[in-house]
């Protein structure tokens, strides 16, 4: 990797972190309404995995979708405007936090129903296969989605048809407020779920952006070679509760603080500086630039117009 690539990984992770912090602040001010699920702590997964993709690859994800959208390169101002419910948002103010889309970037949305995005992703993968294209579809989902029938049905179909799809599980050890030990008979690991469908699987430290990038690159290479789907389980942790409405009293302070020691926004810049890849001055320059981008995003969202009532029935099928 070139120095610029390392710095871009840090830049995108910090952009996600600041975006999420700003979202939390503006939710508290009443400027963002509805449900708000923050990605704080999981930035290394979105940035590491999506950096391994091409622009023509497809991404489908869940309702905790801000990080994936930013990692894909969606405009922060348009994203913030969407959360503010404004006409200038990526979904024209109609989708909100859980439904961020940008078809031009093959970012095929966040989806509010748990597991609903998984069979949709199979459809994009099937389209690539039908057109004899080597594009790959990556579908992100949480540990709670593995109990949905859509997950198992899609895994089975993808294996039978050898679809070019990467199943990417973000295991943050909680399905809402329920620990994984209470929903998985074998404890914490989910990677064995792929074994029953003859799908190649791997585990990776989801707090290590370089490890995620490397693991994703290896999986994508196999998929492009026609070897069928792959499955990655990345272990991570959300520093906030399930949503802004969740005080997360089911987690003890020691557990949260332990994970915060692995915060990629702390460990990765330390790595870059210790290895002589970047200087603190360069880190500070990125921080200043991102802070300005977030300030501009909030200003843009605040000043943007509300959707007109005449647009209510636009962009729908029926």
C-alpha atoms as a PDB file:
ATOM      1  CA  UNK A   1       0.000   0.000   0.000  1.00  0.00           C
ATOM      2  CA  UNK A   2       1.023   3.558  -0.697  1.00  0.00           C
ATOM      3  CA  UNK A   3       1.114   6.166   2.049  1.00  0.00           C
ATOM      4  CA  UNK A   4      -1.916   7.861   0.529  1.00  0.00           C
ATOM      5  CA  UNK A   5      -3.916   4.621   0.865  1.00  0.00           C
ATOM      6  CA  UNK A   6      -3.116   4.330   4.576  1.00  0.00           C
ATOM      7  CA  UNK A   7      -4.127   7.929   5.126  1.00  0.00           C
ATOM      8  CA  UNK A   8      -7.360   7.439   3.185  1.00  0.00           C
ATOM      9  CA  UNK A   9      -8.316   4.547   5.451  1.00  0.00           C
ATOM     10  CA  UNK A  10      -7.827   6.755   8.486  1.00  0.00           C
ATOM     11  CA  UNK A  11      -9.609   9.661   6.833  1.00  0.00           C
ATOM     12  CA  UNK A  12     -12.729   7.622   6.118  1.00  0.00           C
ATOM     13  CA  UNK A  13     -12.820   6.068   9.580  1.00  0.00           C
ATOM     14  CA  UNK A  14     -12.519   9.484  11.212  1.00  0.00           C
ATOM     15  CA  UNK A  15     -15.169  10.886   8.858  1.00  0.00           C
ATOM     16  CA  UNK A  16     -17.574   8.148   9.938  1.00  0.00           C
ATOM     17  CA  UNK A  17     -16.812   8.769  13.611  1.00  0.00           C
ATOM     18  CA  UNK A  18     -17.375  12.511  13.381  1.00  0.00           C
ATOM     19  CA  UNK A  19     -20.491  12.025  11.275  1.00  0.00           C
ATOM     20  CA  UNK A  20     -21.952   9.703  13.888  1.00  0.00           C
ATOM     21  CA  UNK A  21     -21.062  12.020  16.746  1.00  0.00           C
ATOM     22  CA  UNK A  22     -22.758  14.869  14.915  1.00  0.00           C
ATOM     23  CA  UNK A  23     -25.811  12.700  14.260  1.00  0.00           C
ATOM     24  CA  UNK A  24     -26.085  11.969  17.980  1.00  0.00           C
ATOM     25  CA  UNK A  25     -25.836  15.666  18.808  1.00  0.00           C
ATOM     26  CA  UNK A  26     -28.480  16.689  16.272  1.00  0.00           C
ATOM     27  CA  UNK A  27     -30.777  13.858  17.331  1.00  0.00           C
ATOM     28  CA  UNK A  28     -30.631  15.214  20.881  1.00  0.00           C
ATOM     29  CA  UNK A  29     -31.513  18.654  19.502  1.00  0.00           C
ATOM     30  CA  UNK A  30     -34.572  17.224  17.757  1.00  0.00           C
ATOM     31  CA  UNK A  31     -33.253  17.913  14.265  1.00  0.00           C
ATOM     32  CA  UNK A  32     -33.012  14.191  13.456  1.00  0.00           C
ATOM     33  CA  UNK A  33     -36.111  12.168  14.260  1.00  0.00           C
ATOM     34  CA  UNK A  34     -37.220   8.566  14.115  1.00  0.00           C
ATOM     35  CA  UNK A  35     -34.784   5.758  14.824  1.00  0.00           C
ATOM     36  CA  UNK A  36     -31.050   6.409  14.814  1.00  0.00           C
ATOM     37  CA  UNK A  37     -28.562   3.529  14.975  1.00  0.00           C
ATOM     38  CA  UNK A  38     -24.954   4.670  15.257  1.00  0.00           C
ATOM     39  CA  UNK A  39     -21.926   2.809  13.893  1.00  0.00           C
ATOM     40  CA  UNK A  40     -19.428   4.154  16.430  1.00  0.00           C
ATOM     41  CA  UNK A  41     -16.735   1.550  17.118  1.00  0.00           C
ATOM     42  CA  UNK A  42     -17.347  -0.494  13.972  1.00  0.00           C
ATOM     43  CA  UNK A  43     -15.703   1.886  11.474  1.00  0.00           C
ATOM     44  CA  UNK A  44     -12.819  -0.448  10.597  1.00  0.00           C
ATOM     45  CA  UNK A  45     -15.226  -2.977   9.094  1.00  0.00           C
ATOM     46  CA  UNK A  46     -16.954  -0.664   6.637  1.00  0.00           C
ATOM     47  CA  UNK A  47     -13.743   1.082   5.604  1.00  0.00           C
ATOM     48  CA  UNK A  48     -11.567  -2.018   5.427  1.00  0.00           C
ATOM     49  CA  UNK A  49     -14.025  -4.139   3.470  1.00  0.00           C
ATOM     50  CA  UNK A  50     -15.363  -1.513   1.071  1.00  0.00           C
ATOM     51  CA  UNK A  51     -11.838  -0.325   0.250  1.00  0.00           C
ATOM     52  CA  UNK A  52     -11.296  -3.789  -1.244  1.00  0.00           C
ATOM     53  CA  UNK A  53     -14.159  -3.380  -3.727  1.00  0.00           C
ATOM     54  CA  UNK A  54     -14.370  -1.930  -7.195  1.00  0.00           C
ATOM     55  CA  UNK A  55     -16.750   0.887  -8.093  1.00  0.00           C
ATOM     56  CA  UNK A  56     -18.943  -1.490 -10.107  1.00  0.00           C
ATOM     57  CA  UNK A  57     -19.414  -3.905  -7.205  1.00  0.00           C
ATOM     58  CA  UNK A  58     -22.705  -3.786  -5.309  1.00  0.00           C
ATOM     59  CA  UNK A  59     -23.274  -3.083  -1.615  1.00  0.00           C
ATOM     60  CA  UNK A  60     -26.432  -3.909   0.327  1.00  0.00           C
ATOM     61  CA  UNK A  61     -26.620  -3.363   4.051  1.00  0.00           C
ATOM     62  CA  UNK A  62     -28.747  -3.105   7.182  1.00  0.00           C
ATOM     63  CA  UNK A  63     -30.227  -0.157   9.061  1.00  0.00           C
ATOM     64  CA  UNK A  64     -26.929   0.760  10.776  1.00  0.00           C
ATOM     65  CA  UNK A  65     -25.852   2.022   7.381  1.00  0.00           C
ATOM     66  CA  UNK A  66     -24.176   5.430   7.799  1.00  0.00           C
ATOM     67  CA  UNK A  67     -20.680   3.948   7.969  1.00  0.00           C
ATOM     68  CA  UNK A  68     -21.077   1.856   4.833  1.00  0.00           C
ATOM     69  CA  UNK A  69     -22.479   4.813   2.913  1.00  0.00           C
ATOM     70  CA  UNK A  70     -19.566   7.060   3.873  1.00  0.00           C
ATOM     71  CA  UNK A  71     -17.004   4.335   3.190  1.00  0.00           C
ATOM     72  CA  UNK A  72     -18.543   3.954  -0.273  1.00  0.00           C
ATOM     73  CA  UNK A  73     -18.038   7.654  -0.913  1.00  0.00           C
ATOM     74  CA  UNK A  74     -21.551   9.057  -0.604  1.00  0.00           C
ATOM     75  CA  UNK A  75     -21.654  12.797  -0.015  1.00  0.00           C
ATOM     76  CA  UNK A  76     -21.736  13.563   3.753  1.00  0.00           C
ATOM     77  CA  UNK A  77     -23.861  16.672   3.170  1.00  0.00           C
ATOM     78  CA  UNK A  78     -26.489  14.720   1.232  1.00  0.00           C
ATOM     79  CA  UNK A  79     -26.416  12.001   3.894  1.00  0.00           C
ATOM     80  CA  UNK A  80     -26.906  14.512   6.698  1.00  0.00           C
ATOM     81  CA  UNK A  81     -29.720  16.156   4.758  1.00  0.00           C
ATOM     82  CA  UNK A  82     -31.422  12.782   4.481  1.00  0.00           C
ATOM     83  CA  UNK A  83     -31.238  12.300   8.235  1.00  0.00           C
ATOM     84  CA  UNK A  84     -32.697  15.783   8.649  1.00  0.00           C
ATOM     85  CA  UNK A  85     -35.546  14.730   6.337  1.00  0.00           C
ATOM     86  CA  UNK A  86     -34.683  17.295   3.669  1.00  0.00           C
ATOM     87  CA  UNK A  87     -35.340  17.276  -0.081  1.00  0.00           C
ATOM     88  CA  UNK A  88     -31.600  17.395  -0.814  1.00  0.00           C
ATOM     89  CA  UNK A  89     -30.990  14.078   0.962  1.00  0.00           C
ATOM     90  CA  UNK A  90     -29.792  10.964  -0.843  1.00  0.00           C
ATOM     91  CA  UNK A  91     -33.313   9.522  -0.661  1.00  0.00           C
ATOM     92  CA  UNK A  92     -34.944  12.955  -1.074  1.00  0.00           C
ATOM     93  CA  UNK A  93     -35.820  13.138   2.589  1.00  0.00           C
ATOM     94  CA  UNK A  94     -38.134  10.137   2.470  1.00  0.00           C
ATOM     95  CA  UNK A  95     -35.839   7.409   3.742  1.00  0.00           C
ATOM     96  CA  UNK A  96     -34.124   8.784   6.796  1.00  0.00           C
ATOM     97  CA  UNK A  97     -31.362   7.087   8.736  1.00  0.00           C
ATOM     98  CA  UNK A  98     -32.224   3.498   7.843  1.00  0.00           C
ATOM     99  CA  UNK A  99     -32.743   3.905   4.090  1.00  0.00           C
ATOM    100  CA  UNK A 100     -29.694   5.534   2.523  1.00  0.00           C
ATOM    101  CA  UNK A 101     -29.351   4.841  -1.211  1.00  0.00           C
ATOM    102  CA  UNK A 102     -27.133   5.888  -4.110  1.00  0.00           C
ATOM    103  CA  UNK A 103     -27.712   3.743  -7.198  1.00  0.00           C
ATOM    104  CA  UNK A 104     -25.000   5.614  -9.137  1.00  0.00           C
ATOM    105  CA  UNK A 105     -22.449   4.244  -6.677  1.00  0.00           C
ATOM    106  CA  UNK A 106     -24.109   0.805  -6.594  1.00  0.00           C
ATOM    107  CA  UNK A 107     -24.942   1.437  -2.959  1.00  0.00           C
ATOM    108  CA  UNK A 108     -28.263  -0.353  -2.895  1.00  0.00           C
ATOM    109  CA  UNK A 109     -29.459   0.781   0.432  1.00  0.00           C
ATOM    110  CA  UNK A 110     -29.847   0.292   4.086  1.00  0.00           C
ATOM    111  CA  UNK A 111     -32.856  -1.858   4.982  1.00  0.00           C
ATOM    112  CA  UNK A 112     -34.872  -1.589   8.179  1.00  0.00           C
ATOM    113  CA  UNK A 113     -36.243  -5.145   8.324  1.00  0.00           C
ATOM    114  CA  UNK A 114     -33.717  -7.506   9.902  1.00  0.00           C
ATOM    115  CA  UNK A 115     -32.395  -9.876   7.244  1.00  0.00           C
ATOM    116  CA  UNK A 116     -34.460  -8.350   4.416  1.00  0.00           C
ATOM    117  CA  UNK A 117     -31.353  -7.147   2.599  1.00  0.00           C
ATOM    118  CA  UNK A 118     -29.882 -10.637   2.265  1.00  0.00           C
ATOM    119  CA  UNK A 119     -32.137 -12.084  -0.481  1.00  0.00           C
ATOM    120  CA  UNK A 120     -32.042  -8.704  -2.261  1.00  0.00           C
ATOM    121  CA  UNK A 121     -28.270  -9.010  -2.404  1.00  0.00           C
ATOM    122  CA  UNK A 122     -28.649 -12.441  -3.980  1.00  0.00           C
ATOM    123  CA  UNK A 123     -30.682 -10.781  -6.720  1.00  0.00           C
ATOM    124  CA  UNK A 124     -27.873  -8.365  -7.554  1.00  0.00           C
ATOM    125  CA  UNK A 125     -25.384 -11.233  -7.540  1.00  0.00           C
ATOM    126  CA  UNK A 126     -27.620 -13.271  -9.836  1.00  0.00           C
ATOM    127  CA  UNK A 127     -27.848 -10.307 -12.225  1.00  0.00           C
ATOM    128  CA  UNK A 128     -24.043 -10.123 -12.394  1.00  0.00           C
ATOM    129  CA  UNK A 129     -23.831 -13.829 -13.070  1.00  0.00           C
ATOM    130  CA  UNK A 130     -26.573 -13.678 -15.721  1.00  0.00           C
ATOM    131  CA  UNK A 131     -24.763 -10.852 -17.526  1.00  0.00           C
ATOM    132  CA  UNK A 132     -21.414 -12.690 -17.339  1.00  0.00           C
ATOM    133  CA  UNK A 133     -19.875  -9.841 -15.340  1.00  0.00           C
ATOM    134  CA  UNK A 134     -17.218 -10.352 -12.673  1.00  0.00           C
ATOM    135  CA  UNK A 135     -18.830  -7.868 -10.294  1.00  0.00           C
ATOM    136  CA  UNK A 136     -19.340  -8.940  -6.686  1.00  0.00           C
ATOM    137  CA  UNK A 137     -22.158  -8.118  -4.278  1.00  0.00           C
ATOM    138  CA  UNK A 138     -21.335  -7.618  -0.604  1.00  0.00           C
ATOM    139  CA  UNK A 139     -24.164  -7.874   1.894  1.00  0.00           C
ATOM    140  CA  UNK A 140     -23.640  -6.681   5.470  1.00  0.00           C
ATOM    141  CA  UNK A 141     -25.767  -7.960   8.351  1.00  0.00           C
ATOM    142  CA  UNK A 142     -25.624  -8.300  12.111  1.00  0.00           C
ATOM    143  CA  UNK A 143     -25.492 -11.370  14.310  1.00  0.00           C
ATOM    144  CA  UNK A 144     -29.227 -11.102  15.002  1.00  0.00           C
ATOM    145  CA  UNK A 145     -30.023 -11.630  11.309  1.00  0.00           C
ATOM    146  CA  UNK A 146     -28.565 -15.146  11.358  1.00  0.00           C
ATOM    147  CA  UNK A 147     -31.766 -16.406  12.989  1.00  0.00           C
ATOM    148  CA  UNK A 148     -33.874 -15.191  10.092  1.00  0.00           C
ATOM    149  CA  UNK A 149     -35.072 -17.691   7.516  1.00  0.00           C
ATOM    150  CA  UNK A 150     -34.013 -15.333   4.740  1.00  0.00           C
ATOM    151  CA  UNK A 151     -30.395 -15.711   5.837  1.00  0.00           C
ATOM    152  CA  UNK A 152     -30.407 -19.499   5.561  1.00  0.00           C
ATOM    153  CA  UNK A 153     -32.475 -19.612   2.386  1.00  0.00           C
ATOM    154  CA  UNK A 154     -30.152 -17.163   0.654  1.00  0.00           C
ATOM    155  CA  UNK A 155     -27.010 -18.940   1.845  1.00  0.00           C
ATOM    156  CA  UNK A 156     -28.345 -22.194   0.440  1.00  0.00           C
ATOM    157  CA  UNK A 157     -29.370 -20.699  -2.908  1.00  0.00           C
ATOM    158  CA  UNK A 158     -26.097 -18.786  -3.257  1.00  0.00           C
ATOM    159  CA  UNK A 159     -24.162 -21.999  -2.696  1.00  0.00           C
ATOM    160  CA  UNK A 160     -26.225 -24.042  -5.144  1.00  0.00           C
ATOM    161  CA  UNK A 161     -25.957 -21.414  -7.874  1.00  0.00           C
ATOM    162  CA  UNK A 162     -22.399 -20.327  -6.961  1.00  0.00           C
ATOM    163  CA  UNK A 163     -23.455 -16.704  -6.852  1.00  0.00           C
ATOM    164  CA  UNK A 164     -20.766 -13.973  -6.736  1.00  0.00           C
ATOM    165  CA  UNK A 165     -21.720 -12.764  -3.274  1.00  0.00           C
ATOM    166  CA  UNK A 166     -19.837 -12.051  -0.066  1.00  0.00           C
ATOM    167  CA  UNK A 167     -21.826 -12.526   3.134  1.00  0.00           C
ATOM    168  CA  UNK A 168     -20.326 -10.145   5.679  1.00  0.00           C
ATOM    169  CA  UNK A 169     -21.386 -10.640   9.292  1.00  0.00           C
ATOM    170  CA  UNK A 170     -20.689  -7.789  11.696  1.00  0.00           C
ATOM    171  CA  UNK A 171     -20.721  -9.610  15.023  1.00  0.00           C
ATOM    172  CA  UNK A 172     -20.910  -6.977  17.761  1.00  0.00           C
ATOM    173  CA  UNK A 173     -22.015  -9.650  20.269  1.00  0.00           C
ATOM    174  CA  UNK A 174     -25.471  -8.189  20.833  1.00  0.00           C
ATOM    175  CA  UNK A 175     -28.754  -8.593  18.981  1.00  0.00           C
ATOM    176  CA  UNK A 176     -30.367  -5.423  20.297  1.00  0.00           C
ATOM    177  CA  UNK A 177     -29.971  -6.118  24.033  1.00  0.00           C
ATOM    178  CA  UNK A 178     -29.446  -9.880  23.845  1.00  0.00           C
ATOM    179  CA  UNK A 179     -25.950 -11.373  24.011  1.00  0.00           C
ATOM    180  CA  UNK A 180     -24.976 -13.873  21.335  1.00  0.00           C
ATOM    181  CA  UNK A 181     -24.579 -16.676  23.888  1.00  0.00           C
ATOM    182  CA  UNK A 182     -28.342 -16.548  24.341  1.00  0.00           C
ATOM    183  CA  UNK A 183     -29.119 -16.996  20.648  1.00  0.00           C
ATOM    184  CA  UNK A 184     -26.266 -19.271  19.522  1.00  0.00           C
ATOM    185  CA  UNK A 185     -25.896 -22.826  20.806  1.00  0.00           C
ATOM    186  CA  UNK A 186     -22.118 -22.898  20.248  1.00  0.00           C
ATOM    187  CA  UNK A 187     -21.362 -19.566  21.908  1.00  0.00           C
ATOM    188  CA  UNK A 188     -19.809 -16.632  20.101  1.00  0.00           C
ATOM    189  CA  UNK A 189     -18.696 -17.990  16.721  1.00  0.00           C
ATOM    190  CA  UNK A 190     -20.946 -17.771  13.685  1.00  0.00           C
ATOM    191  CA  UNK A 191     -18.484 -18.751  10.964  1.00  0.00           C
ATOM    192  CA  UNK A 192     -19.499 -22.411  11.192  1.00  0.00           C
ATOM    193  CA  UNK A 193     -22.901 -21.444   9.792  1.00  0.00           C
ATOM    194  CA  UNK A 194     -21.333 -21.331   6.338  1.00  0.00           C
ATOM    195  CA  UNK A 195     -19.949 -24.861   6.618  1.00  0.00           C
ATOM    196  CA  UNK A 196     -23.366 -26.450   6.273  1.00  0.00           C
ATOM    197  CA  UNK A 197     -23.817 -24.690   2.939  1.00  0.00           C
ATOM    198  CA  UNK A 198     -20.332 -25.524   1.656  1.00  0.00           C
ATOM    199  CA  UNK A 199     -19.366 -21.845   1.654  1.00  0.00           C
ATOM    200  CA  UNK A 200     -15.794 -20.793   2.391  1.00  0.00           C
ATOM    201  CA  UNK A 201     -15.686 -18.837   5.650  1.00  0.00           C
ATOM    202  CA  UNK A 202     -13.168 -16.859   7.683  1.00  0.00           C
ATOM    203  CA  UNK A 203     -13.017 -14.787  10.850  1.00  0.00           C
ATOM    204  CA  UNK A 204     -11.279 -11.452  11.283  1.00  0.00           C
ATOM    205  CA  UNK A 205     -10.701  -8.849  13.972  1.00  0.00           C
ATOM    206  CA  UNK A 206     -13.220  -6.183  13.011  1.00  0.00           C
ATOM    207  CA  UNK A 207     -11.329  -3.533  14.983  1.00  0.00           C
ATOM    208  CA  UNK A 208      -8.283  -3.905  12.691  1.00  0.00           C
ATOM    209  CA  UNK A 209      -8.882  -2.076   9.413  1.00  0.00           C
ATOM    210  CA  UNK A 210      -5.867  -3.629   7.662  1.00  0.00           C
ATOM    211  CA  UNK A 211      -6.868  -7.160   8.661  1.00  0.00           C
ATOM    212  CA  UNK A 212     -10.409  -6.552   7.415  1.00  0.00           C
ATOM    213  CA  UNK A 213      -9.116  -5.169   4.126  1.00  0.00           C
ATOM    214  CA  UNK A 214      -6.775  -8.125   3.565  1.00  0.00           C
ATOM    215  CA  UNK A 215      -9.393 -10.732   4.477  1.00  0.00           C
ATOM    216  CA  UNK A 216     -11.939  -9.099   2.182  1.00  0.00           C
ATOM    217  CA  UNK A 217      -9.477  -8.905  -0.699  1.00  0.00           C
ATOM    218  CA  UNK A 218      -8.776 -12.638  -0.387  1.00  0.00           C
ATOM    219  CA  UNK A 219     -12.479 -13.479  -0.399  1.00  0.00           C
ATOM    220  CA  UNK A 220     -13.257 -11.165  -3.320  1.00  0.00           C
ATOM    221  CA  UNK A 221     -10.465 -12.728  -5.361  1.00  0.00           C
ATOM    222  CA  UNK A 222     -11.959 -16.203  -4.905  1.00  0.00           C
ATOM    223  CA  UNK A 223     -15.425 -14.986  -5.801  1.00  0.00           C
ATOM    224  CA  UNK A 224     -14.239 -13.241  -8.992  1.00  0.00           C
ATOM    225  CA  UNK A 225     -12.502 -16.453 -10.003  1.00  0.00           C
ATOM    226  CA  UNK A 226     -15.876 -18.185 -10.019  1.00  0.00           C
ATOM    227  CA  UNK A 227     -15.392 -20.199  -6.824  1.00  0.00           C
ATOM    228  CA  UNK A 228     -18.798 -19.199  -5.489  1.00  0.00           C
ATOM    229  CA  UNK A 229     -19.812 -17.211  -2.398  1.00  0.00           C
ATOM    230  CA  UNK A 230     -17.702 -16.515   0.672  1.00  0.00           C
ATOM    231  CA  UNK A 231     -18.564 -15.678   4.263  1.00  0.00           C
ATOM    232  CA  UNK A 232     -16.649 -13.374   6.620  1.00  0.00           C
ATOM    233  CA  UNK A 233     -17.358 -12.924  10.307  1.00  0.00           C
ATOM    234  CA  UNK A 234     -15.813  -9.768  11.771  1.00  0.00           C
ATOM    235  CA  UNK A 235     -15.872  -9.379  15.546  1.00  0.00           C
ATOM    236  CA  UNK A 236     -16.517  -5.820  16.670  1.00  0.00           C
ATOM    237  CA  UNK A 237     -18.360  -3.710  19.225  1.00  0.00           C
ATOM    238  CA  UNK A 238     -20.744  -0.760  19.101  1.00  0.00           C
ATOM    239  CA  UNK A 239     -19.838   1.806  21.708  1.00  0.00           C
ATOM    240  CA  UNK A 240     -23.415   3.110  21.933  1.00  0.00           C
ATOM    241  CA  UNK A 241     -26.588   1.168  22.614  1.00  0.00           C
ATOM    242  CA  UNK A 242     -28.640  -0.460  19.877  1.00  0.00           C
ATOM    243  CA  UNK A 243     -30.158   2.919  19.019  1.00  0.00           C
ATOM    244  CA  UNK A 244     -30.239   6.397  20.505  1.00  0.00           C
ATOM    245  CA  UNK A 245     -33.276   5.288  22.497  1.00  0.00           C
ATOM    246  CA  UNK A 246     -31.291   2.474  24.141  1.00  0.00           C
ATOM    247  CA  UNK A 247     -29.409   3.294  27.398  1.00  0.00           C
ATOM    248  CA  UNK A 248     -27.587  -0.072  27.079  1.00  0.00           C
ATOM    249  CA  UNK A 249     -27.923  -0.954  30.758  1.00  0.00           C
ATOM    250  CA  UNK A 250     -27.543  -4.625  29.869  1.00  0.00           C
ATOM    251  CA  UNK A 251     -23.787  -4.076  29.318  1.00  0.00           C
ATOM    252  CA  UNK A 252     -21.354  -3.499  32.151  1.00  0.00           C
ATOM    253  CA  UNK A 253     -18.858  -0.660  32.115  1.00  0.00           C
ATOM    254  CA  UNK A 254     -15.850  -2.983  32.232  1.00  0.00           C
ATOM    255  CA  UNK A 255     -16.882  -4.684  28.993  1.00  0.00           C
ATOM    256  CA  UNK A 256     -17.400  -1.386  27.167  1.00  0.00           C
ATOM    257  CA  UNK A 257     -14.129   0.097  28.403  1.00  0.00           C
ATOM    258  CA  UNK A 258     -12.279  -3.065  27.404  1.00  0.00           C
ATOM    259  CA  UNK A 259     -13.482  -2.735  23.829  1.00  0.00           C
ATOM    260  CA  UNK A 260     -12.722   0.978  23.738  1.00  0.00           C
ATOM    261  CA  UNK A 261      -9.058   0.087  24.226  1.00  0.00           C
ATOM    262  CA  UNK A 262      -9.303  -1.503  20.757  1.00  0.00           C
ATOM    263  CA  UNK A 263     -10.923   1.571  19.199  1.00  0.00           C
ATOM    264  CA  UNK A 264      -9.606   1.724  15.591  1.00  0.00           C
ATOM    265  CA  UNK A 265      -9.603   5.533  15.770  1.00  0.00           C
ATOM    266  CA  UNK A 266      -6.989   5.200  18.516  1.00  0.00           C
ATOM    267  CA  UNK A 267      -4.983   2.133  17.490  1.00  0.00           C
ATOM    268  CA  UNK A 268      -4.679   2.836  13.753  1.00  0.00           C
ATOM    269  CA  UNK A 269      -3.201   6.354  13.948  1.00  0.00           C
ATOM    270  CA  UNK A 270      -0.783   5.097  16.623  1.00  0.00           C
ATOM    271  CA  UNK A 271       0.264   2.347  14.207  1.00  0.00           C
ATOM    272  CA  UNK A 272       0.782   4.796  11.342  1.00  0.00           C
ATOM    273  CA  UNK A 273       2.950   7.056  13.477  1.00  0.00           C
ATOM    274  CA  UNK A 274       4.964   4.248  15.104  1.00  0.00           C
ATOM    275  CA  UNK A 275       5.709   2.685  11.705  1.00  0.00           C
ATOM    276  CA  UNK A 276       6.800   6.012  10.245  1.00  0.00           C
ATOM    277  CA  UNK A 277       3.992   5.939   7.683  1.00  0.00           C
ATOM    278  CA  UNK A 278       2.504   9.261   8.799  1.00  0.00           C
ATOM    279  CA  UNK A 279       3.164  12.065  11.258  1.00  0.00           C
ATOM    280  CA  UNK A 280       0.962  13.547  13.949  1.00  0.00           C
ATOM    281  CA  UNK A 281       0.872  16.732  11.905  1.00  0.00           C
ATOM    282  CA  UNK A 282      -0.638  14.826   8.987  1.00  0.00           C
ATOM    283  CA  UNK A 283      -3.185  13.219  11.318  1.00  0.00           C
ATOM    284  CA  UNK A 284      -4.118  16.654  12.644  1.00  0.00           C
ATOM    285  CA  UNK A 285      -4.545  17.977   9.118  1.00  0.00           C
ATOM    286  CA  UNK A 286      -7.017  15.193   8.337  1.00  0.00           C
ATOM    287  CA  UNK A 287      -8.897  15.870  11.576  1.00  0.00           C
ATOM    288  CA  UNK A 288      -9.221  19.571  10.752  1.00  0.00           C
ATOM    289  CA  UNK A 289     -10.432  18.858   7.220  1.00  0.00           C
ATOM    290  CA  UNK A 290     -13.040  16.358   8.422  1.00  0.00           C
ATOM    291  CA  UNK A 291     -14.305  18.699  11.134  1.00  0.00           C
ATOM    292  CA  UNK A 292     -14.944  21.310   8.454  1.00  0.00           C
ATOM    293  CA  UNK A 293     -16.742  18.765   6.252  1.00  0.00           C
ATOM    294  CA  UNK A 294     -19.061  17.835   9.126  1.00  0.00           C
ATOM    295  CA  UNK A 295     -19.759  21.473   9.953  1.00  0.00           C
ATOM    296  CA  UNK A 296     -20.635  22.076   6.312  1.00  0.00           C
ATOM    297  CA  UNK A 297     -22.848  18.977   6.216  1.00  0.00           C
ATOM    298  CA  UNK A 298     -24.872  20.185   9.192  1.00  0.00           C
ATOM    299  CA  UNK A 299     -25.157  23.695   7.713  1.00  0.00           C
ATOM    300  CA  UNK A 300     -26.276  22.260   4.351  1.00  0.00           C
ATOM    301  CA  UNK A 301     -28.850  20.008   6.001  1.00  0.00           C
ATOM    302  CA  UNK A 302     -30.180  22.791   8.208  1.00  0.00           C
ATOM    303  CA  UNK A 303     -30.626  25.212   5.314  1.00  0.00           C
ATOM    304  CA  UNK A 304     -32.039  22.704   2.823  1.00  0.00           C
ATOM    305  CA  UNK A 305     -35.781  22.779   2.020  1.00  0.00           C
ATOM    306  CA  UNK A 306     -38.326  20.308   3.279  1.00  0.00           C
ATOM    307  CA  UNK A 307     -39.834  17.916   0.704  1.00  0.00           C
ATOM    308  CA  UNK A 308     -42.876  19.348  -1.029  1.00  0.00           C
ATOM    309  CA  UNK A 309     -46.149  17.553  -0.356  1.00  0.00           C
ATOM    310  CA  UNK A 310     -46.555  17.194  -4.128  1.00  0.00           C
ATOM    311  CA  UNK A 311     -43.612  14.757  -4.049  1.00  0.00           C
ATOM    312  CA  UNK A 312     -45.401  12.371  -1.708  1.00  0.00           C
ATOM    313  CA  UNK A 313     -46.316   9.870  -4.436  1.00  0.00           C
ATOM    314  CA  UNK A 314     -43.133  10.233  -6.497  1.00  0.00           C
ATOM    315  CA  UNK A 315     -40.568   7.417  -6.767  1.00  0.00           C
ATOM    316  CA  UNK A 316     -42.892   4.639  -5.656  1.00  0.00           C
ATOM    317  CA  UNK A 317     -44.178   1.598  -7.556  1.00  0.00           C
ATOM    318  CA  UNK A 318     -47.860   1.874  -6.690  1.00  0.00           C
END
